[in-house]
PDB file of N, CA and C in Angstrom:
ATOM      1  N   MET A   1     -43.921 104.175 337.240  1.00  0.00           N
ATOM      2  CA  MET A   1     -45.069 105.025 337.483  1.00  0.00           C
ATOM      3  C   MET A   1     -45.397 105.760 336.188  1.00  0.00           C
ATOM      4  N   THR A   2     -46.660 105.787 335.855  1.00  0.00           N
ATOM      5  CA  THR A   2     -47.074 106.477 334.642  1.00  0.00           C
ATOM      6  C   THR A   2     -47.235 107.973 334.902  1.00  0.00           C
ATOM      7  N   ILE A   3     -47.244 108.741 333.834  1.00  0.00           N
ATOM      8  CA  ILE A   3     -47.461 110.179 333.979  1.00  0.00           C
ATOM      9  C   ILE A   3     -48.846 110.446 334.548  1.00  0.00           C
ATOM     10  N   ASN A   4     -49.841 109.646 334.172  1.00  0.00           N
ATOM     11  CA  ASN A   4     -51.183 109.826 334.739  1.00  0.00           C
ATOM     12  C   ASN A   4     -51.181 109.599 336.245  1.00  0.00           C
ATOM     13  N   GLN A   5     -50.421 108.634 336.725  1.00  0.00           N
ATOM     14  CA  GLN A   5     -50.323 108.412 338.173  1.00  0.00           C
ATOM     15  C   GLN A   5     -49.644 109.597 338.852  1.00  0.00           C
ATOM     16  N   VAL A   6     -48.598 110.109 338.215  1.00  0.00           N
ATOM     17  CA  VAL A   6     -47.902 111.278 338.759  1.00  0.00           C
ATOM     18  C   VAL A   6     -48.874 112.448 338.877  1.00  0.00           C
ATOM     19  N   ILE A   7     -49.640 112.676 337.834  1.00  0.00           N
ATOM     20  CA  ILE A   7     -50.612 113.775 337.846  1.00  0.00           C
ATOM     21  C   ILE A   7     -51.623 113.580 338.968  1.00  0.00           C
ATOM     22  N   ARG A   8     -52.147 112.358 339.126  1.00  0.00           N
ATOM     23  CA  ARG A   8     -53.148 112.105 340.167  1.00  0.00           C
ATOM     24  C   ARG A   8     -52.569 112.318 341.568  1.00  0.00           C
ATOM     25  N   ILE A   9     -51.289 112.009 341.753  1.00  0.00           N
ATOM     26  CA  ILE A   9     -50.661 112.200 343.062  1.00  0.00           C
ATOM     27  C   ILE A   9     -50.390 113.675 343.321  1.00  0.00           C
ATOM     28  N   LEU A  10     -49.950 114.409 342.311  1.00  0.00           N
ATOM     29  CA  LEU A  10     -49.542 115.801 342.516  1.00  0.00           C
ATOM     30  C   LEU A  10     -50.654 116.825 342.333  1.00  0.00           C
ATOM     31  N   ASP A  11     -51.730 116.468 341.671  1.00  0.00           N
ATOM     32  CA  ASP A  11     -52.845 117.396 341.440  1.00  0.00           C
ATOM     33  C   ASP A  11     -53.693 117.507 342.717  1.00  0.00           C
ATOM     34  N   PRO A  12     -53.821 118.705 343.271  1.00  0.00           N
ATOM     35  CA  PRO A  12     -54.601 118.869 344.491  1.00  0.00           C
ATOM     36  C   PRO A  12     -56.038 118.344 344.394  1.00  0.00           C
ATOM     37  N   ALA A  13     -56.582 118.302 343.195  1.00  0.00           N
ATOM     38  CA  ALA A  13     -57.957 117.823 343.030  1.00  0.00           C
ATOM     39  C   ALA A  13     -58.073 116.308 343.224  1.00  0.00           C
ATOM     40  N   THR A  14     -56.968 115.576 343.064  1.00  0.00           N
ATOM     41  CA  THR A  14     -57.034 114.110 343.149  1.00  0.00           C
ATOM     42  C   THR A  14     -56.031 113.490 344.119  1.00  0.00           C
ATOM     43  N   THR A  15     -55.173 114.291 344.714  1.00  0.00           N
ATOM     44  CA  THR A  15     -54.095 113.752 345.537  1.00  0.00           C
ATOM     45  C   THR A  15     -54.607 112.955 346.741  1.00  0.00           C
ATOM     46  N   ALA A  16     -55.585 113.453 347.453  1.00  0.00           N
ATOM     47  CA  ALA A  16     -56.074 112.761 348.650  1.00  0.00           C
ATOM     48  C   ALA A  16     -56.634 111.386 348.302  1.00  0.00           C
ATOM     49  N   GLU A  17     -57.409 111.324 347.241  1.00  0.00           N
ATOM     50  CA  GLU A  17     -58.011 110.061 346.812  1.00  0.00           C
ATOM     51  C   GLU A  17     -56.924 109.058 346.385  1.00  0.00           C
ATOM     52  N   GLU A  18     -55.968 109.538 345.607  1.00  0.00           N
ATOM     53  CA  GLU A  18     -54.904 108.660 345.107  1.00  0.00           C
ATOM     54  C   GLU A  18     -54.022 108.156 346.249  1.00  0.00           C
ATOM     55  N   LEU A  19     -53.647 109.038 347.153  1.00  0.00           N
ATOM     56  CA  LEU A  19     -52.795 108.629 348.277  1.00  0.00           C
ATOM     57  C   LEU A  19     -53.545 107.704 349.237  1.00  0.00           C
ATOM     58  N   ALA A  20     -54.824 107.915 349.403  1.00  0.00           N
ATOM     59  CA  ALA A  20     -55.625 107.020 350.250  1.00  0.00           C
ATOM     60  C   ALA A  20     -55.646 105.610 349.665  1.00  0.00           C
ATOM     61  N   ALA A  21     -55.770 105.512 348.353  1.00  0.00           N
ATOM     62  CA  ALA A  21     -55.766 104.198 347.700  1.00  0.00           C
ATOM     63  C   ALA A  21     -54.414 103.522 347.867  1.00  0.00           C
ATOM     64  N   ILE A  22     -53.331 104.275 347.695  1.00  0.00           N
ATOM     65  CA  ILE A  22     -51.988 103.714 347.859  1.00  0.00           C
ATOM     66  C   ILE A  22     -51.795 103.244 349.295  1.00  0.00           C
ATOM     67  N   GLU A  23     -52.232 104.041 350.245  1.00  0.00           N
ATOM     68  CA  GLU A  23     -52.092 103.672 351.655  1.00  0.00           C
ATOM     69  C   GLU A  23     -52.910 102.418 351.969  1.00  0.00           C
ATOM     70  N   TYR A  24     -54.120 102.360 351.473  1.00  0.00           N
ATOM     71  CA  TYR A  24     -55.004 101.224 351.732  1.00  0.00           C
ATOM     72  C   TYR A  24     -54.409  99.931 351.180  1.00  0.00           C
ATOM     73  N   TYR A  25     -53.999  99.960 349.922  1.00  0.00           N
ATOM     74  CA  TYR A  25     -53.474  98.753 349.289  1.00  0.00           C
ATOM     75  C   TYR A  25     -52.057  98.413 349.772  1.00  0.00           C
ATOM     76  N   GLY A  26     -51.419  99.339 350.448  1.00  0.00           N
ATOM     77  CA  GLY A  26     -50.091  99.081 351.006  1.00  0.00           C
ATOM     78  C   GLY A  26     -50.129  98.276 352.283  1.00  0.00           C
ATOM     79  N   GLY A  27     -51.320  98.076 352.817  1.00  0.00           N
ATOM     80  CA  GLY A  27     -51.473  97.261 354.025  1.00  0.00           C
ATOM     81  C   GLY A  27     -50.709  97.838 355.206  1.00  0.00           C
ATOM     82  N   LEU A  28     -49.961  96.974 355.876  1.00  0.00           N
ATOM     83  CA  LEU A  28     -49.214  97.405 357.056  1.00  0.00           C
ATOM     84  C   LEU A  28     -48.127  98.424 356.725  1.00  0.00           C
ATOM     85  N   HIS A  29     -47.733  98.477 355.486  1.00  0.00           N
ATOM     86  CA  HIS A  29     -46.700  99.424 355.060  1.00  0.00           C
ATOM     87  C   HIS A  29     -47.299 100.552 354.225  1.00  0.00           C
ATOM     88  N   GLY A  30     -48.573 100.813 354.451  1.00  0.00           N
ATOM     89  CA  GLY A  30     -49.289 101.808 353.657  1.00  0.00           C
ATOM     90  C   GLY A  30     -48.677 103.190 353.678  1.00  0.00           C
ATOM     91  N   ARG A  31     -48.298 103.645 354.866  1.00  0.00           N
ATOM     92  CA  ARG A  31     -47.696 104.988 354.975  1.00  0.00           C
ATOM     93  C   ARG A  31     -46.379 105.054 354.219  1.00  0.00           C
ATOM     94  N   GLU A  32     -45.569 104.007 354.365  1.00  0.00           N
ATOM     95  CA  GLU A  32     -44.286 103.956 353.661  1.00  0.00           C
ATOM     96  C   GLU A  32     -44.495 103.963 352.149  1.00  0.00           C
ATOM     97  N   LYS A  33     -45.472 103.198 351.674  1.00  0.00           N
ATOM     98  CA  LYS A  33     -45.774 103.142 350.241  1.00  0.00           C
ATOM     99  C   LYS A  33     -46.256 104.498 349.743  1.00  0.00           C
ATOM    100  N   MET A  34     -47.040 105.181 350.573  1.00  0.00           N
ATOM    101  CA  MET A  34     -47.570 106.487 350.215  1.00  0.00           C
ATOM    102  C   MET A  34     -46.429 107.503 350.077  1.00  0.00           C
ATOM    103  N   VAL A  35     -45.509 107.515 351.021  1.00  0.00           N
ATOM    104  CA  VAL A  35     -44.369 108.432 350.964  1.00  0.00           C
ATOM    105  C   VAL A  35     -43.487 108.101 349.762  1.00  0.00           C
ATOM    106  N   ALA A  36     -43.262 106.815 349.519  1.00  0.00           N
ATOM    107  CA  ALA A  36     -42.446 106.404 348.378  1.00  0.00           C
ATOM    108  C   ALA A  36     -43.095 106.833 347.060  1.00  0.00           C
ATOM    109  N   ALA A  37     -44.413 106.730 346.978  1.00  0.00           N
ATOM    110  CA  ALA A  37     -45.131 107.148 345.769  1.00  0.00           C
ATOM    111  C   ALA A  37     -45.000 108.656 345.560  1.00  0.00           C
ATOM    112  N   CYS A  38     -45.095 109.419 346.626  1.00  0.00           N
ATOM    113  CA  CYS A  38     -44.925 110.880 346.525  1.00  0.00           C
ATOM    114  C   CYS A  38     -43.517 111.225 346.050  1.00  0.00           C
ATOM    115  N   ASP A  39     -42.518 110.558 346.625  1.00  0.00           N
ATOM    116  CA  ASP A  39     -41.135 110.794 346.215  1.00  0.00           C
ATOM    117  C   ASP A  39     -40.942 110.465 344.741  1.00  0.00           C
ATOM    118  N   GLU A  40     -41.455 109.321 344.318  1.00  0.00           N
ATOM    119  CA  GLU A  40     -41.308 108.916 342.926  1.00  0.00           C
ATOM    120  C   GLU A  40     -42.022 109.887 341.986  1.00  0.00           C
ATOM    121  N   ALA A  41     -43.219 110.313 342.363  1.00  0.00           N
ATOM    122  CA  ALA A  41     -43.968 111.271 341.547  1.00  0.00           C
ATOM    123  C   ALA A  41     -43.192 112.579 341.401  1.00  0.00           C
ATOM    124  N   CYS A  42     -42.590 113.026 342.474  1.00  0.00           N
ATOM    125  CA  CYS A  42     -41.798 114.257 342.421  1.00  0.00           C
ATOM    126  C   CYS A  42     -40.586 114.087 341.518  1.00  0.00           C
ATOM    127  N   HIS A  43     -39.902 112.962 341.626  1.00  0.00           N
ATOM    128  CA  HIS A  43     -38.730 112.709 340.780  1.00  0.00           C
ATOM    129  C   HIS A  43     -39.118 112.679 339.303  1.00  0.00           C
ATOM    130  N   VAL A  44     -40.221 112.028 338.985  1.00  0.00           N
ATOM    131  CA  VAL A  44     -40.682 111.967 337.595  1.00  0.00           C
ATOM    132  C   VAL A  44     -41.027 113.373 337.101  1.00  0.00           C
ATOM    133  N   ALA A  45     -41.766 114.122 337.900  1.00  0.00           N
ATOM    134  CA  ALA A  45     -42.170 115.471 337.503  1.00  0.00           C
ATOM    135  C   ALA A  45     -40.960 116.378 337.309  1.00  0.00           C
ATOM    136  N   VAL A  46     -40.006 116.311 338.207  1.00  0.00           N
ATOM    137  CA  VAL A  46     -38.797 117.131 338.089  1.00  0.00           C
ATOM    138  C   VAL A  46     -38.016 116.746 336.834  1.00  0.00           C
ATOM    139  N   GLY A  47     -37.922 115.459 336.552  1.00  0.00           N
ATOM    140  CA  GLY A  47     -37.237 115.006 335.350  1.00  0.00           C
ATOM    141  C   GLY A  47     -37.885 115.552 334.092  1.00  0.00           C
ATOM    142  N   ILE A  48     -39.205 115.522 334.066  1.00  0.00           N
ATOM    143  CA  ILE A  48     -39.937 116.046 332.909  1.00  0.00           C
ATOM    144  C   ILE A  48     -39.721 117.555 332.778  1.00  0.00           C
ATOM    145  N   MET A  49     -39.760 118.272 333.891  1.00  0.00           N
ATOM    146  CA  MET A  49     -39.564 119.724 333.847  1.00  0.00           C
ATOM    147  C   MET A  49     -38.142 120.078 333.423  1.00  0.00           C
ATOM    148  N   ARG A  50     -37.147 119.318 333.899  1.00  0.00           N
ATOM    149  CA  ARG A  50     -35.762 119.595 333.497  1.00  0.00           C
ATOM    150  C   ARG A  50     -35.565 119.332 332.011  1.00  0.00           C
ATOM    151  N   LYS A  51     -36.168 118.263 331.518  1.00  0.00           N
ATOM    152  CA  LYS A  51     -36.082 117.959 330.088  1.00  0.00           C
ATOM    153  C   LYS A  51     -36.733 119.080 329.279  1.00  0.00           C
ATOM    154  N   TYR A  52     -37.880 119.537 329.730  1.00  0.00           N
ATOM    155  CA  TYR A  52     -38.581 120.633 329.059  1.00  0.00           C
ATOM    156  C   TYR A  52     -37.706 121.891 329.049  1.00  0.00           C
ATOM    157  N   GLN A  53     -37.103 122.195 330.190  1.00  0.00           N
ATOM    158  CA  GLN A  53     -36.241 123.372 330.301  1.00  0.00           C
ATOM    159  C   GLN A  53     -35.054 123.263 329.346  1.00  0.00           C
ATOM    160  N   GLU A  54     -34.468 122.086 329.276  1.00  0.00           N
ATOM    161  CA  GLU A  54     -33.333 121.875 328.386  1.00  0.00           C
ATOM    162  C   GLU A  54     -33.736 122.080 326.920  1.00  0.00           C
ATOM    163  N   GLU A  55     -34.918 121.609 326.574  1.00  0.00           N
ATOM    164  CA  GLU A  55     -35.397 121.751 325.206  1.00  0.00           C
ATOM    165  C   GLU A  55     -35.810 123.178 324.874  1.00  0.00           C
ATOM    166  N   HIS A  56     -36.143 123.955 325.903  1.00  0.00           N
ATOM    167  CA  HIS A  56     -36.584 125.354 325.719  1.00  0.00           C
ATOM    168  C   HIS A  56     -35.687 126.242 326.556  1.00  0.00           C
ATOM    169  N   LYS A  57     -34.457 126.369 326.149  1.00  0.00           N
ATOM    170  CA  LYS A  57     -33.412 127.080 326.918  1.00  0.00           C
ATOM    171  C   LYS A  57     -33.818 128.470 327.391  1.00  0.00           C
ATOM    172  N   ASN A  58     -34.679 129.153 326.687  1.00  0.00           N
ATOM    173  CA  ASN A  58     -35.011 130.538 327.042  1.00  0.00           C
ATOM    174  C   ASN A  58     -36.080 130.632 328.120  1.00  0.00           C
ATOM    175  N   ILE A  59     -36.515 129.510 328.705  1.00  0.00           N
ATOM    176  CA  ILE A  59     -37.540 129.522 329.745  1.00  0.00           C
ATOM    177  C   ILE A  59     -36.877 129.247 331.095  1.00  0.00           C
ATOM    178  N   ASP A  60     -37.229 130.005 332.117  1.00  0.00           N
ATOM    179  CA  ASP A  60     -36.690 129.777 333.471  1.00  0.00           C
ATOM    180  C   ASP A  60     -37.430 128.696 334.164  1.00  0.00           C
TER     181      ASP A  60
END
């Protein structure tokens, strides 16, 4: 998953549109694909934030 995809999934301005596309193209497993995409986006975002925190120790 690209960072742009993560942003589109997590940004309230684009999340509904992005998740609708994932659900649509997921066919019979659309809901499962949508949940998996949300989970993956969260994992990527958390990884980026933890890396940022590690690089900037003085930030909570």
